[in-house]
Protein backbone atom coordinates (compact mmCIF):
# COMPACT_ATOMS: atom_id res chain seq x y z
CA UNK A 1 -0.01 -0.01 0.03
CA UNK A 2 2.84 2.41 0.94
CA UNK A 3 4.77 1.51 -2.29
CA UNK A 4 1.69 2.07 -4.33
CA UNK A 5 1.07 5.46 -2.70
CA UNK A 6 4.61 6.58 -3.29
CA UNK A 7 4.49 5.46 -6.88
CA UNK A 8 1.25 7.38 -7.60
CA UNK A 9 2.57 10.45 -5.78
CA UNK A 10 5.80 10.45 -7.82
CA UNK A 11 3.78 10.00 -11.02
CA UNK A 12 1.53 12.99 -10.13
CA UNK A 13 4.63 15.09 -9.38
CA UNK A 14 6.24 14.17 -12.68
CA UNK A 15 3.14 15.00 -14.66
CA UNK A 16 2.88 18.36 -12.88
CA UNK A 17 6.49 19.16 -13.50
CA UNK A 18 6.11 18.18 -17.13
CA UNK A 19 3.08 20.30 -17.84
CA UNK A 20 3.68 23.17 -15.36
CA UNK A 21 3.72 26.61 -17.03
CA UNK A 22 2.41 25.29 -20.35
CA UNK A 23 -0.57 26.69 -22.19
CA UNK A 24 -3.66 25.02 -20.73
CA UNK A 25 -5.85 22.86 -22.81
CA UNK A 26 -8.83 24.87 -24.00
CA UNK A 27 -6.70 28.02 -23.99
CA UNK A 28 -6.83 30.44 -27.02
CA UNK A 29 -3.99 30.95 -29.43
CA UNK A 30 -1.56 33.40 -27.73
CA UNK A 31 0.15 36.33 -29.48
CA UNK A 32 -1.81 35.40 -32.55
CA UNK A 33 -1.18 38.67 -34.34
CA UNK A 34 2.58 38.95 -33.81
CA UNK A 35 4.33 38.89 -37.28
CA UNK A 36 7.32 36.48 -37.76
CA UNK A 37 9.81 36.28 -40.52
CA UNK A 38 9.43 33.15 -42.58
CA UNK A 39 12.37 31.59 -44.59
CA UNK A 40 10.61 32.84 -47.75
CA UNK A 41 10.99 36.43 -46.44
CA UNK A 42 7.27 36.83 -45.89
CA UNK A 43 5.90 38.19 -42.57
CA UNK A 44 3.22 35.95 -41.07
CA UNK A 45 1.35 35.60 -37.91
CA UNK A 46 -0.46 32.57 -36.26
CA UNK A 47 -3.84 34.11 -37.13
CA UNK A 48 -2.71 34.48 -40.77
CA UNK A 49 -1.87 30.83 -40.84
CA UNK A 50 -4.92 29.43 -39.14
CA UNK A 51 -7.42 27.66 -41.35
CA UNK A 52 -11.13 26.68 -41.13
CA UNK A 53 -10.48 23.74 -38.80
CA UNK A 54 -7.62 24.93 -36.76
CA UNK A 55 -3.85 25.49 -36.51
CA UNK A 56 -0.77 23.28 -35.76
CA UNK A 57 2.25 25.06 -34.16
CA UNK A 58 5.52 23.21 -33.93
CA UNK A 59 8.37 24.78 -31.97
CA UNK A 60 11.50 23.27 -33.74
CA UNK A 61 15.08 24.03 -34.72
CA UNK A 62 17.93 22.95 -36.91
CA UNK A 63 20.54 21.24 -34.61
CA UNK A 64 18.59 19.06 -32.12
CA UNK A 65 19.06 15.33 -32.63
CA UNK A 66 15.40 14.86 -31.57
CA UNK A 67 14.22 17.20 -34.30
CA UNK A 68 16.33 15.40 -36.86
CA UNK A 69 15.02 12.01 -35.78
CA UNK A 70 11.43 13.23 -36.36
CA UNK A 71 12.16 14.93 -39.68
CA UNK A 72 10.65 12.21 -41.86
CA UNK A 73 7.21 12.89 -40.29
CA UNK A 74 7.20 16.73 -40.70
CA UNK A 75 6.09 16.70 -44.35
CA UNK A 76 3.36 14.09 -43.96
CA UNK A 77 2.14 16.11 -40.94
CA UNK A 78 1.99 19.26 -43.09
CA UNK A 79 0.11 17.44 -45.82
CA UNK A 80 -2.41 15.86 -43.45
CA UNK A 81 -2.86 19.33 -41.79
CA UNK A 82 -3.71 20.91 -45.17
CA UNK A 83 -6.08 18.02 -46.11
CA UNK A 84 -7.94 18.60 -42.87
CA UNK A 85 -8.03 22.44 -43.31
CA UNK A 86 -5.61 23.01 -40.49
CA UNK A 87 -2.91 25.62 -40.79
CA UNK A 88 0.66 24.44 -40.35
CA UNK A 89 3.62 26.46 -39.05
CA UNK A 90 7.03 25.58 -37.58
CA UNK A 91 8.80 28.20 -35.41
CA UNK A 92 12.45 28.44 -34.31
CA UNK A 93 12.68 29.89 -30.76
CA UNK A 94 16.37 29.32 -30.18
CA UNK A 95 17.18 33.05 -29.82
CA UNK A 96 20.55 32.68 -28.07
CA UNK A 97 21.80 30.28 -30.77
CA UNK A 98 21.14 32.38 -33.89
CA UNK A 99 24.91 32.72 -34.51
CA UNK A 100 25.43 29.08 -33.82
CA UNK A 101 23.29 27.20 -36.47
CA UNK A 102 19.93 28.61 -35.67
CA UNK A 103 19.90 31.80 -37.87
CA UNK A 104 17.52 32.53 -40.72
CA UNK A 105 20.09 31.37 -43.33
CA UNK A 106 20.66 28.20 -41.30
CA UNK A 107 16.87 27.62 -41.36
CA UNK A 108 16.70 28.15 -45.04
CA UNK A 109 19.43 25.59 -45.61
CA UNK A 110 17.85 23.11 -43.18
CA UNK A 111 14.45 23.32 -44.93
CA UNK A 112 16.01 22.76 -48.35
CA UNK A 113 17.97 19.83 -47.16
CA UNK A 114 14.92 18.11 -45.86
CA UNK A 115 12.65 19.16 -48.68
CA UNK A 116 10.24 21.06 -46.50
CA UNK A 117 7.35 22.93 -48.09
CA UNK A 118 5.82 24.72 -45.19
CA UNK A 119 6.36 27.85 -43.08
CA UNK A 120 9.51 28.02 -40.88
CA UNK A 121 9.62 31.20 -38.89
CA UNK A 122 11.87 33.02 -36.46
CA UNK A 123 10.53 33.61 -32.99
CA UNK A 124 12.34 36.76 -32.14
CA UNK A 125 13.12 37.12 -28.46
CA UNK A 126 11.55 33.67 -27.91
CA UNK A 127 8.26 35.50 -27.27
CA UNK A 128 5.96 32.84 -28.61
CA UNK A 129 7.67 29.97 -27.00
CA UNK A 130 7.49 31.85 -23.67
CA UNK A 131 3.80 32.55 -24.17
CA UNK A 132 3.05 28.91 -25.05
CA UNK A 133 5.09 27.54 -22.19
CA UNK A 134 7.08 25.44 -24.77
CA UNK A 135 10.27 23.97 -23.42
CA UNK A 136 11.58 21.56 -26.07
CA UNK A 137 12.25 21.23 -29.67
CA UNK A 138 10.18 19.77 -31.06
CA UNK A 139 7.11 20.82 -29.00
CA UNK A 140 3.72 20.79 -30.73
CA UNK A 141 0.42 22.54 -30.06
CA UNK A 142 -2.80 21.90 -32.03
CA UNK A 143 -5.74 24.31 -31.92
CA UNK A 144 -9.25 23.55 -33.28
CA UNK A 145 -11.35 25.74 -35.50
CA UNK A 146 -12.39 27.94 -32.62
CA UNK A 147 -8.72 28.61 -31.90
CA UNK A 148 -8.80 26.44 -28.72
CA UNK A 149 -5.86 24.18 -27.71
CA UNK A 150 -6.91 20.50 -28.00
CA UNK A 151 -3.53 18.79 -28.01
CA UNK A 152 0.09 19.53 -26.85
CA UNK A 153 3.24 17.48 -26.51
CA UNK A 154 5.10 15.06 -28.69
CA UNK A 155 4.56 14.03 -32.30
CA UNK A 156 4.42 10.31 -31.58
CA UNK A 157 5.82 7.60 -29.17
CA UNK A 158 8.97 6.66 -31.12
CA UNK A 159 11.29 9.39 -32.63
CA UNK A 160 14.20 6.99 -33.45
CA UNK A 161 12.15 4.23 -35.08
CA UNK A 162 9.28 5.47 -37.14
CA UNK A 163 8.24 1.99 -38.25
CA UNK A 164 7.81 1.04 -34.66
CA UNK A 165 5.47 3.91 -33.77
CA UNK A 166 2.44 2.58 -31.86
CA UNK A 167 0.82 5.89 -30.93
CA UNK A 168 0.82 8.59 -33.58
CA UNK A 169 -0.54 11.11 -31.19
CA UNK A 170 -0.39 14.20 -33.42
CA UNK A 171 -1.60 12.56 -36.63
CA UNK A 172 -4.60 11.02 -34.82
CA UNK A 173 -5.30 14.48 -33.28
CA UNK A 174 -5.14 16.08 -36.74
CA UNK A 175 -7.63 13.64 -38.15
CA UNK A 176 -9.96 13.97 -35.21
CA UNK A 177 -10.03 17.83 -35.48
CA UNK A 178 -10.48 17.60 -39.23
CA UNK A 179 -13.58 15.50 -38.62
CA UNK A 180 -14.95 17.54 -35.80
CA UNK A 181 -14.36 14.85 -33.33
CA UNK A 182 -12.93 14.89 -29.79
CA UNK A 183 -9.19 14.27 -29.52
CA UNK A 184 -8.70 11.09 -27.53
CA UNK A 185 -5.09 11.84 -26.30
CA UNK A 186 -4.79 15.52 -25.42
CA UNK A 187 -1.42 15.82 -23.78
CA UNK A 188 1.84 13.89 -23.86
CA UNK A 189 5.38 14.66 -22.74
CA UNK A 190 7.40 16.65 -25.24
CA UNK A 191 10.76 15.02 -25.85
CA UNK A 192 13.61 17.05 -27.27
CA UNK A 193 16.35 19.56 -26.64
CA UNK A 194 15.80 22.54 -24.35
CA UNK A 195 14.86 25.73 -26.04
CA UNK A 196 17.63 28.35 -26.09
CA UNK A 197 15.53 31.20 -24.80
CA UNK A 198 16.43 34.86 -25.05
CA UNK A 199 18.45 36.13 -22.08
CA UNK A 200 16.48 38.25 -19.74
């Protein structure tokens, strides 16, 4: 009984630590009108990108091994989002690493290397990452057509071995939102490299 109590207490503390400070489920899109520079040179905001059924925001970067491990899933997620009328945007919040592989030119080269065909923007001053409570790259947030957060966390349950993925959390959530259904898994632990936030 004592062991069970300790285990459940520890689990609760871990979950609290994992999700503490993050944007709450059901929350509206924060800083939706702030314009960001895309690798194309265009200035876009989250509200510009949002489509009829929602918006998918992915805080990501160029240098993190976790990001590179999930790269083969980025394009399919972008395609699925478009098919489900969900806007898709990736954002680089690594402000203190702009001169160390995370600058706009680095982002352009990275997108070209992996054949990306979606928005990849600069989060100046890590403002959006801070507002979302994002801590990792990658760290994803999915909003429904009303602009309410319905999923946050990881892309799926196996970054390193895509063929062994058992729970494609984000893809499932995208299809559910596209069909107007309730998302079954609404939050998971984001796995990745710590965001290099702007110095305060």
